C-alpha atoms as a PDB file:
ATOM      1  CA  MET A   1     -40.238-107.033 -45.125  1.00  0.00           C
ATOM      2  CA  GLU A   2     -41.733-105.298 -48.135  1.00  0.00           C
ATOM      3  CA  HIS A   3     -42.756-102.393 -45.896  1.00  0.00           C
ATOM      4  CA  LYS A   4     -39.134-101.916 -44.701  1.00  0.00           C
ATOM      5  CA  ILE A   5     -37.775-102.023 -48.237  1.00  0.00           C
ATOM      6  CA  GLU A   6     -40.361 -99.464 -49.354  1.00  0.00           C
ATOM      7  CA  HIS A   7     -39.474 -97.249 -46.395  1.00  0.00           C
ATOM      8  CA  LYS A   8     -35.747 -97.392 -47.243  1.00  0.00           C
ATOM      9  CA  ILE A   9     -36.484 -96.577 -50.875  1.00  0.00           C
ATOM     10  CA  GLN A  10     -38.493 -93.529 -49.780  1.00  0.00           C
ATOM     11  CA  GLU A  11     -35.692 -92.382 -47.451  1.00  0.00           C
ATOM     12  CA  LYS A  12     -33.123 -92.766 -50.235  1.00  0.00           C
ATOM     13  CA  ALA A  13     -35.359 -90.897 -52.653  1.00  0.00           C
ATOM     14  CA  SER A  14     -35.812 -88.093 -50.106  1.00  0.00           C
ATOM     15  CA  GLU A  15     -32.033 -87.855 -49.632  1.00  0.00           C
ATOM     16  CA  ILE A  16     -31.466 -87.642 -53.400  1.00  0.00           C
ATOM     17  CA  ILE A  17     -34.179 -84.982 -53.794  1.00  0.00           C
ATOM     18  CA  GLU A  18     -32.771 -82.932 -50.867  1.00  0.00           C
ATOM     19  CA  HIS A  19     -29.244 -83.197 -52.245  1.00  0.00           C
ATOM     20  CA  ASN A  20     -30.416 -82.071 -55.677  1.00  0.00           C
ATOM     21  CA  LYS A  21     -32.305 -79.169 -54.090  1.00  0.00           C
ATOM     22  CA  GLU A  22     -29.154 -77.961 -52.334  1.00  0.00           C
ATOM     23  CA  LYS A  23     -27.205 -78.197 -55.597  1.00  0.00           C
ATOM     24  CA  ALA A  24     -29.941 -76.356 -57.456  1.00  0.00           C
ATOM     25  CA  VAL A  25     -30.002 -73.568 -54.862  1.00  0.00           C
ATOM     26  CA  GLU A  26     -26.196 -73.294 -54.972  1.00  0.00           C
ATOM     27  CA  LEU A  27     -26.193 -73.215 -58.776  1.00  0.00           C
ATOM     28  CA  LEU A  28     -28.980 -70.615 -58.798  1.00  0.00           C
ATOM     29  CA  GLY A  29     -27.014 -68.443 -56.352  1.00  0.00           C
ATOM     30  CA  GLN A  30     -23.929 -68.624 -58.555  1.00  0.00           C
ATOM     31  CA  THR A  31     -25.997 -67.788 -61.631  1.00  0.00           C
ATOM     32  CA  LYS A  32     -27.500 -64.742 -59.877  1.00  0.00           C
ATOM     33  CA  GLU A  33     -24.062 -63.531 -58.779  1.00  0.00           C
ATOM     34  CA  GLN A  34     -22.717 -63.958 -62.298  1.00  0.00           C
ATOM     35  CA  ALA A  35     -25.702 -62.061 -63.722  1.00  0.00           C
ATOM     36  CA  VAL A  36     -25.180 -59.223 -61.208  1.00  0.00           C
ATOM     37  CA  ASP A  37     -21.455 -59.070 -62.034  1.00  0.00           C
ATOM     38  CA  ILE A  38     -22.180 -58.928 -65.773  1.00  0.00           C
ATOM     39  CA  LEU A  39     -24.816 -56.218 -65.246  1.00  0.00           C
ATOM     40  CA  GLU A  40     -22.488 -54.138 -63.054  1.00  0.00           C
ATOM     41  CA  THR A  41     -19.673 -54.473 -65.613  1.00  0.00           C
ATOM     42  CA  LYS A  42     -21.966 -53.342 -68.431  1.00  0.00           C
ATOM     43  CA  THR A  43     -23.328 -50.444 -66.348  1.00  0.00           C
ATOM     44  CA  SER A  44     -19.803 -49.332 -65.439  1.00  0.00           C
ATOM     45  CA  PHE A  45     -18.770 -49.491 -69.096  1.00  0.00           C
ATOM     46  CA  LEU A  46     -21.791 -47.456 -70.202  1.00  0.00           C
ATOM     47  CA  LYS A  47     -21.099 -44.843 -67.523  1.00  0.00           C
ATOM     48  CA  LYS A  48     -17.483 -44.535 -68.664  1.00  0.00           C
ATOM     49  CA  LEU A  49     -18.603 -44.325 -72.282  1.00  0.00           C
ATOM     50  CA  PHE A  50     -21.115 -41.609 -71.397  1.00  0.00           C
ATOM     51  CA  CYS A  51     -18.475 -39.645 -69.457  1.00  0.00           C
ATOM     52  CA  ILE A  52     -16.039 -39.850 -72.375  1.00  0.00           C
ATOM     53  CA  ALA A  53     -18.711 -38.819 -74.902  1.00  0.00           C
ATOM     54  CA  LEU A  54     -19.832 -35.922 -72.715  1.00  0.00           C
ATOM     55  CA  ALA A  55     -16.242 -34.770 -72.139  1.00  0.00           C
ATOM     56  CA  ILE A  56     -15.571 -34.849 -75.916  1.00  0.00           C
ATOM     57  CA  ALA A  57     -18.787 -32.881 -76.556  1.00  0.00           C
ATOM     58  CA  VAL A  58     -17.893 -30.266 -73.935  1.00  0.00           C
ATOM     59  CA  VAL A  59     -14.342 -29.870 -75.268  1.00  0.00           C
ATOM     60  CA  GLY A  60     -15.577 -29.733 -78.865  1.00  0.00           C
ATOM     61  CA  ALA A  61     -18.191 -27.095 -78.054  1.00  0.00           C
ATOM     62  CA  GLY A  62     -15.587 -25.140 -76.088  1.00  0.00           C
ATOM     63  CA  ILE A  63     -13.126 -25.130 -79.005  1.00  0.00           C
ATOM     64  CA  TRP A  64     -15.831 -23.951 -81.379  1.00  0.00           C
ATOM     65  CA  PHE A  65     -17.082 -21.196 -79.095  1.00  0.00           C
ATOM     66  CA  PHE A  66     -13.537 -20.123 -78.237  1.00  0.00           C
ATOM     67  CA  TYR A  67     -12.772 -19.817 -81.962  1.00  0.00           C
ATOM     68  CA  GLU A  68     -15.869 -17.667 -82.421  1.00  0.00           C
ATOM     69  CA  TYR A  69     -14.749 -15.576 -79.445  1.00  0.00           C
ATOM     70  CA  ARG A  70     -11.292 -15.050 -80.938  1.00  0.00           C
ATOM     71  CA  ILE A  71     -12.675 -13.856 -84.280  1.00  0.00           C
ATOM     72  CA  GLY A  72     -14.894 -11.331 -82.492  1.00  0.00           C
ATOM     73  CA  THR A  73     -18.295 -13.021 -82.551  1.00  0.00           C
ATOM     74  CA  PHE A  74     -18.894 -12.269 -78.870  1.00  0.00           C
ATOM     75  CA  ARG A  75     -17.204  -8.869 -78.706  1.00  0.00           C
ATOM     76  CA  ASP A  76     -20.539  -7.030 -78.347  1.00  0.00           C
ATOM     77  CA  ALA A  77     -24.305  -7.532 -78.452  1.00  0.00           C
ATOM     78  CA  ASP A  78     -24.650  -6.690 -82.160  1.00  0.00           C
ATOM     79  CA  SER A  79     -22.081  -9.237 -83.351  1.00  0.00           C
ATOM     80  CA  PHE A  80     -23.623 -11.851 -81.077  1.00  0.00           C
ATOM     81  CA  LYS A  81     -27.074 -11.110 -82.499  1.00  0.00           C
ATOM     82  CA  GLU A  82     -25.744 -11.783 -85.989  1.00  0.00           C
ATOM     83  CA  PHE A  83     -24.234 -15.046 -84.799  1.00  0.00           C
ATOM     84  CA  ILE A  84     -27.498 -16.305 -83.253  1.00  0.00           C
ATOM     85  CA  ASN A  85     -29.573 -15.067 -86.217  1.00  0.00           C
ATOM     86  CA  SER A  86     -27.374 -17.047 -88.607  1.00  0.00           C
ATOM     87  CA  PHE A  87     -28.955 -20.251 -87.270  1.00  0.00           C
ATOM     88  CA  GLY A  88     -32.449 -19.206 -88.360  1.00  0.00           C
ATOM     89  CA  ILE A  89     -35.256 -21.089 -86.617  1.00  0.00           C
ATOM     90  CA  LEU A  90     -32.640 -22.960 -84.582  1.00  0.00           C
ATOM     91  CA  GLY A  91     -31.538 -19.672 -83.010  1.00  0.00           C
ATOM     92  CA  PRO A  92     -33.249 -20.320 -79.632  1.00  0.00           C
ATOM     93  CA  LEU A  93     -31.615 -23.748 -79.462  1.00  0.00           C
ATOM     94  CA  PHE A  94     -28.148 -22.311 -80.096  1.00  0.00           C
ATOM     95  CA  LEU A  95     -28.783 -19.538 -77.561  1.00  0.00           C
ATOM     96  CA  THR A  96     -29.546 -22.256 -74.991  1.00  0.00           C
ATOM     97  CA  VAL A  97     -26.370 -24.163 -75.940  1.00  0.00           C
ATOM     98  CA  PHE A  98     -24.340 -20.935 -75.742  1.00  0.00           C
ATOM     99  CA  GLN A  99     -25.606 -20.188 -72.236  1.00  0.00           C
ATOM    100  CA  CYS A 100     -24.733 -23.726 -71.161  1.00  0.00           C
ATOM    101  CA  VAL A 101     -21.216 -23.578 -72.615  1.00  0.00           C
ATOM    102  CA  LYS A 102     -20.420 -20.088 -71.329  1.00  0.00           C
ATOM    103  CA  THR A 103     -21.053 -21.316 -67.775  1.00  0.00           C
ATOM    104  CA  ILE A 104     -18.430 -24.014 -68.279  1.00  0.00           C
ATOM    105  CA  TYR A 105     -15.942 -21.712 -70.061  1.00  0.00           C
ATOM    106  CA  ALA A 106     -15.575 -18.511 -68.079  1.00  0.00           C
ATOM    107  CA  VAL A 107     -13.824 -16.587 -70.902  1.00  0.00           C
ATOM    108  CA  ILE A 108     -17.143 -15.866 -72.630  1.00  0.00           C
ATOM    109  CA  PRO A 109     -19.042 -12.780 -71.338  1.00  0.00           C
ATOM    110  CA  SER A 110     -21.899 -13.894 -69.108  1.00  0.00           C
ATOM    111  CA  THR A 111     -24.512 -11.233 -69.874  1.00  0.00           C
ATOM    112  CA  LEU A 112     -24.549 -11.478 -73.694  1.00  0.00           C
ATOM    113  CA  GLY A 113     -27.153 -14.230 -73.865  1.00  0.00           C
ATOM    114  CA  CYS A 114     -29.342 -12.609 -71.202  1.00  0.00           C
ATOM    115  CA  ILE A 115     -29.372  -9.368 -73.204  1.00  0.00           C
ATOM    116  CA  VAL A 116     -29.581 -10.721 -76.758  1.00  0.00           C
ATOM    117  CA  GLY A 117     -32.040 -13.587 -76.198  1.00  0.00           C
ATOM    118  CA  PRO A 118     -35.034 -11.451 -75.143  1.00  0.00           C
ATOM    119  CA  THR A 119     -34.351  -8.779 -77.809  1.00  0.00           C
ATOM    120  CA  LEU A 120     -34.272 -11.405 -80.590  1.00  0.00           C
ATOM    121  CA  PHE A 121     -36.984 -13.849 -79.535  1.00  0.00           C
ATOM    122  CA  GLY A 122     -39.132 -11.852 -77.129  1.00  0.00           C
ATOM    123  CA  PRO A 123     -38.916 -11.742 -73.334  1.00  0.00           C
ATOM    124  CA  TRP A 124     -40.389 -15.136 -72.434  1.00  0.00           C
ATOM    125  CA  VAL A 125     -38.681 -17.256 -75.091  1.00  0.00           C
ATOM    126  CA  GLY A 126     -35.425 -15.505 -74.190  1.00  0.00           C
ATOM    127  CA  ILE A 127     -36.013 -16.118 -70.483  1.00  0.00           C
ATOM    128  CA  ILE A 128     -36.753 -19.827 -71.019  1.00  0.00           C
ATOM    129  CA  CYS A 129     -33.680 -20.344 -73.246  1.00  0.00           C
ATOM    130  CA  ASN A 130     -31.416 -18.516 -70.812  1.00  0.00           C
ATOM    131  CA  TYR A 131     -32.812 -20.340 -67.771  1.00  0.00           C
ATOM    132  CA  ILE A 132     -32.439 -23.811 -69.297  1.00  0.00           C
ATOM    133  CA  GLY A 133     -28.975 -23.045 -70.685  1.00  0.00           C
ATOM    134  CA  ILE A 134     -27.526 -21.427 -67.565  1.00  0.00           C
ATOM    135  CA  CYS A 135     -28.971 -24.016 -65.158  1.00  0.00           C
ATOM    136  CA  SER A 136     -27.835 -26.965 -67.277  1.00  0.00           C
ATOM    137  CA  GLY A 137     -24.356 -25.418 -67.600  1.00  0.00           C
ATOM    138  CA  SER A 138     -24.176 -24.906 -63.834  1.00  0.00           C
ATOM    139  CA  LEU A 139     -25.177 -28.505 -63.147  1.00  0.00           C
ATOM    140  CA  LEU A 140     -22.700 -29.745 -65.748  1.00  0.00           C
ATOM    141  CA  ALA A 141     -19.874 -27.709 -64.197  1.00  0.00           C
ATOM    142  CA  PHE A 142     -20.692 -29.224 -60.802  1.00  0.00           C
ATOM    143  CA  TRP A 143     -20.713 -32.733 -62.319  1.00  0.00           C
ATOM    144  CA  LEU A 144     -17.382 -32.195 -64.116  1.00  0.00           C
ATOM    145  CA  SER A 145     -15.797 -30.980 -60.898  1.00  0.00           C
ATOM    146  CA  ARG A 146     -17.248 -33.861 -58.860  1.00  0.00           C
ATOM    147  CA  THR A 147     -16.181 -36.429 -61.482  1.00  0.00           C
ATOM    148  CA  PHE A 148     -12.651 -35.236 -62.328  1.00  0.00           C
ATOM    149  CA  GLY A 149     -11.697 -33.654 -59.007  1.00  0.00           C
ATOM    150  CA  ILE A 150      -9.266 -31.027 -57.756  1.00  0.00           C
ATOM    151  CA  THR A 151      -6.666 -31.428 -60.507  1.00  0.00           C
ATOM    152  CA  PHE A 152      -9.285 -30.660 -63.160  1.00  0.00           C
ATOM    153  CA  VAL A 153     -10.539 -27.536 -61.348  1.00  0.00           C
ATOM    154  CA  LYS A 154      -6.984 -26.254 -60.872  1.00  0.00           C
ATOM    155  CA  GLN A 155      -6.525 -26.421 -64.642  1.00  0.00           C
ATOM    156  CA  ILE A 156      -9.343 -23.883 -65.013  1.00  0.00           C
ATOM    157  CA  PHE A 157      -8.746 -21.613 -62.026  1.00  0.00           C
ATOM    158  CA  SER A 158      -5.564 -20.525 -60.302  1.00  0.00           C
ATOM    159  CA  GLU A 159      -4.276 -22.501 -57.326  1.00  0.00           C
ATOM    160  CA  LYS A 160      -4.230 -19.284 -55.303  1.00  0.00           C
ATOM    161  CA  LYS A 161      -7.948 -18.753 -55.866  1.00  0.00           C
ATOM    162  CA  TYR A 162      -8.660 -22.395 -55.050  1.00  0.00           C
ATOM    163  CA  ASN A 163      -6.639 -22.380 -51.795  1.00  0.00           C
ATOM    164  CA  LYS A 164      -8.216 -19.114 -50.670  1.00  0.00           C
ATOM    165  CA  SER A 165     -11.708 -20.530 -51.254  1.00  0.00           C
ATOM    166  CA  MET A 166     -10.900 -23.751 -49.401  1.00  0.00           C
ATOM    167  CA  ARG A 167      -9.657 -21.807 -46.361  1.00  0.00           C
ATOM    168  CA  TRP A 168     -12.836 -19.758 -46.380  1.00  0.00           C
ATOM    169  CA  LEU A 169     -14.992 -22.885 -46.690  1.00  0.00           C
ATOM    170  CA  GLU A 170     -13.406 -24.460 -43.605  1.00  0.00           C
ATOM    171  CA  LYS A 171     -14.601 -21.475 -41.566  1.00  0.00           C
ATOM    172  CA  GLN A 172     -18.070 -21.214 -43.145  1.00  0.00           C
ATOM    173  CA  LYS A 173     -18.903 -24.868 -43.820  1.00  0.00           C
ATOM    174  CA  LYS A 174     -22.267 -24.884 -42.018  1.00  0.00           C
ATOM    175  CA  SER A 175     -23.563 -21.703 -43.653  1.00  0.00           C
ATOM    176  CA  TYR A 176     -22.185 -22.459 -47.134  1.00  0.00           C
ATOM    177  CA  PRO A 177     -25.519 -23.606 -48.676  1.00  0.00           C
ATOM    178  CA  VAL A 178     -27.145 -20.294 -47.649  1.00  0.00           C
ATOM    179  CA  PHE A 179     -24.158 -18.330 -48.940  1.00  0.00           C
ATOM    180  CA  LEU A 180     -24.255 -20.227 -52.242  1.00  0.00           C
ATOM    181  CA  TRP A 181     -27.962 -19.518 -52.757  1.00  0.00           C
ATOM    182  CA  ILE A 182     -27.472 -15.788 -52.135  1.00  0.00           C
ATOM    183  CA  ALA A 183     -24.331 -15.660 -54.299  1.00  0.00           C
ATOM    184  CA  ILE A 184     -26.037 -17.394 -57.246  1.00  0.00           C
ATOM    185  CA  PHE A 185     -29.065 -15.136 -56.774  1.00  0.00           C
ATOM    186  CA  LEU A 186     -26.945 -11.993 -57.153  1.00  0.00           C
ATOM    187  CA  PRO A 187     -25.934 -11.083 -60.743  1.00  0.00           C
ATOM    188  CA  ILE A 188     -22.407  -9.974 -59.765  1.00  0.00           C
ATOM    189  CA  SER A 189     -21.187 -13.296 -58.323  1.00  0.00           C
ATOM    190  CA  PRO A 190     -18.687 -15.574 -60.153  1.00  0.00           C
ATOM    191  CA  ASP A 191     -21.221 -18.329 -60.886  1.00  0.00           C
ATOM    192  CA  ASP A 192     -18.858 -20.469 -62.937  1.00  0.00           C
ATOM    193  CA  PHE A 193     -16.263 -20.728 -60.149  1.00  0.00           C
ATOM    194  CA  LEU A 194     -18.901 -21.362 -57.493  1.00  0.00           C
ATOM    195  CA  CYS A 195     -20.346 -24.278 -59.478  1.00  0.00           C
ATOM    196  CA  TYR A 196     -16.933 -25.880 -59.964  1.00  0.00           C
ATOM    197  CA  PHE A 197     -15.904 -25.194 -56.377  1.00  0.00           C
ATOM    198  CA  THR A 198     -19.109 -26.640 -54.922  1.00  0.00           C
ATOM    199  CA  GLY A 199     -18.489 -29.847 -56.858  1.00  0.00           C
ATOM    200  CA  LEU A 200     -15.416 -30.382 -54.657  1.00  0.00           C
ATOM    201  CA  THR A 201     -17.414 -30.119 -51.436  1.00  0.00           C
ATOM    202  CA  ASP A 202     -19.574 -32.829 -49.862  1.00  0.00           C
ATOM    203  CA  MET A 203     -22.814 -31.152 -50.993  1.00  0.00           C
ATOM    204  CA  LYS A 204     -25.157 -33.618 -52.674  1.00  0.00           C
ATOM    205  CA  PHE A 205     -26.115 -33.097 -56.319  1.00  0.00           C
ATOM    206  CA  LYS A 206     -29.841 -32.847 -55.503  1.00  0.00           C
ATOM    207  CA  LYS A 207     -29.239 -30.052 -52.998  1.00  0.00           C
ATOM    208  CA  PHE A 208     -27.008 -28.170 -55.417  1.00  0.00           C
ATOM    209  CA  ALA A 209     -29.590 -28.568 -58.192  1.00  0.00           C
ATOM    210  CA  LEU A 210     -32.316 -27.192 -55.905  1.00  0.00           C
ATOM    211  CA  ILE A 211     -30.171 -24.142 -55.077  1.00  0.00           C
ATOM    212  CA  ILE A 212     -29.434 -23.456 -58.757  1.00  0.00           C
ATOM    213  CA  LEU A 213     -33.006 -23.945 -59.972  1.00  0.00           C
ATOM    214  CA  THR A 214     -34.499 -21.673 -57.295  1.00  0.00           C
ATOM    215  CA  SER A 215     -31.868 -18.908 -57.180  1.00  0.00           C
ATOM    216  CA  LYS A 216     -31.354 -18.371 -60.925  1.00  0.00           C
ATOM    217  CA  PRO A 217     -34.771 -17.248 -62.207  1.00  0.00           C
ATOM    218  CA  PHE A 218     -34.892 -13.757 -60.648  1.00  0.00           C
ATOM    219  CA  THR A 219     -31.914 -12.206 -62.476  1.00  0.00           C
ATOM    220  CA  ILE A 220     -32.775 -13.965 -65.748  1.00  0.00           C
ATOM    221  CA  ILE A 221     -36.388 -12.720 -65.592  1.00  0.00           C
ATOM    222  CA  VAL A 222     -35.264  -9.142 -64.837  1.00  0.00           C
ATOM    223  CA  TYR A 223     -32.890  -9.168 -67.830  1.00  0.00           C
ATOM    224  CA  GLY A 224     -35.617 -10.726 -69.988  1.00  0.00           C
ATOM    225  CA  LEU A 225     -38.258  -8.151 -69.105  1.00  0.00           C
ATOM    226  CA  ILE A 226     -35.926  -5.157 -69.419  1.00  0.00           C
ATOM    227  CA  PHE A 227     -34.372  -6.129 -72.745  1.00  0.00           C
ATOM    228  CA  GLY A 228     -37.442  -7.926 -74.077  1.00  0.00           C
ATOM    229  CA  TYR A 229     -39.876  -5.086 -73.589  1.00  0.00           C
ATOM    230  CA  GLY A 230     -37.593  -2.096 -73.177  1.00  0.00           C
ATOM    231  CA  PHE A 231     -35.499  -2.599 -76.329  1.00  0.00           C
ATOM    232  CA  ASN A 232     -38.123  -3.997 -78.728  1.00  0.00           C
END
């Protein structure tokens, strides 16, 4: 009799423990889901905050540089030299920022930094500043286009130019990465438009970054050596 009672008590205890286990697992699953939801919400908020901050910084830098452009700061190499020199030891940093911004805002002449940088700071410092600035500006233009889409790009370039490029892309879709590498490699291509336009395609960011980082150095180095050694 005692053995039966003990057996029943053990069975009941096992049932209670099993039931509590199931509840614990269910509660743990809910807690994990809640934690994931909270983390995703925070990550999404931080991404939006970063996008807003970056957009404000880009617009602010554009307004400043456009003002300098209107008052004649970028009208020729000499006036641009004075502008960069006015920042003293921070000159290389502002040259890098200029090269980044001029890629995003096509109104600023593209060769000024490549000419002035090496003559002011020597060929290799000029080359490094120009390379970092131009590549970062190209990647940023791609990101802006990918993030804000067709409407944003059409605010910068004419709809006619956009439609013409899209028609061409439909015919040359497979060979576009090769074309882009060659176009960026050549100094006469419209780099700013190509970066924005490519952001609207299905090309992955890593592939675009690889194309930019490998096709840009040649022209920048040539400018750096010519104006760094030839005009110093």
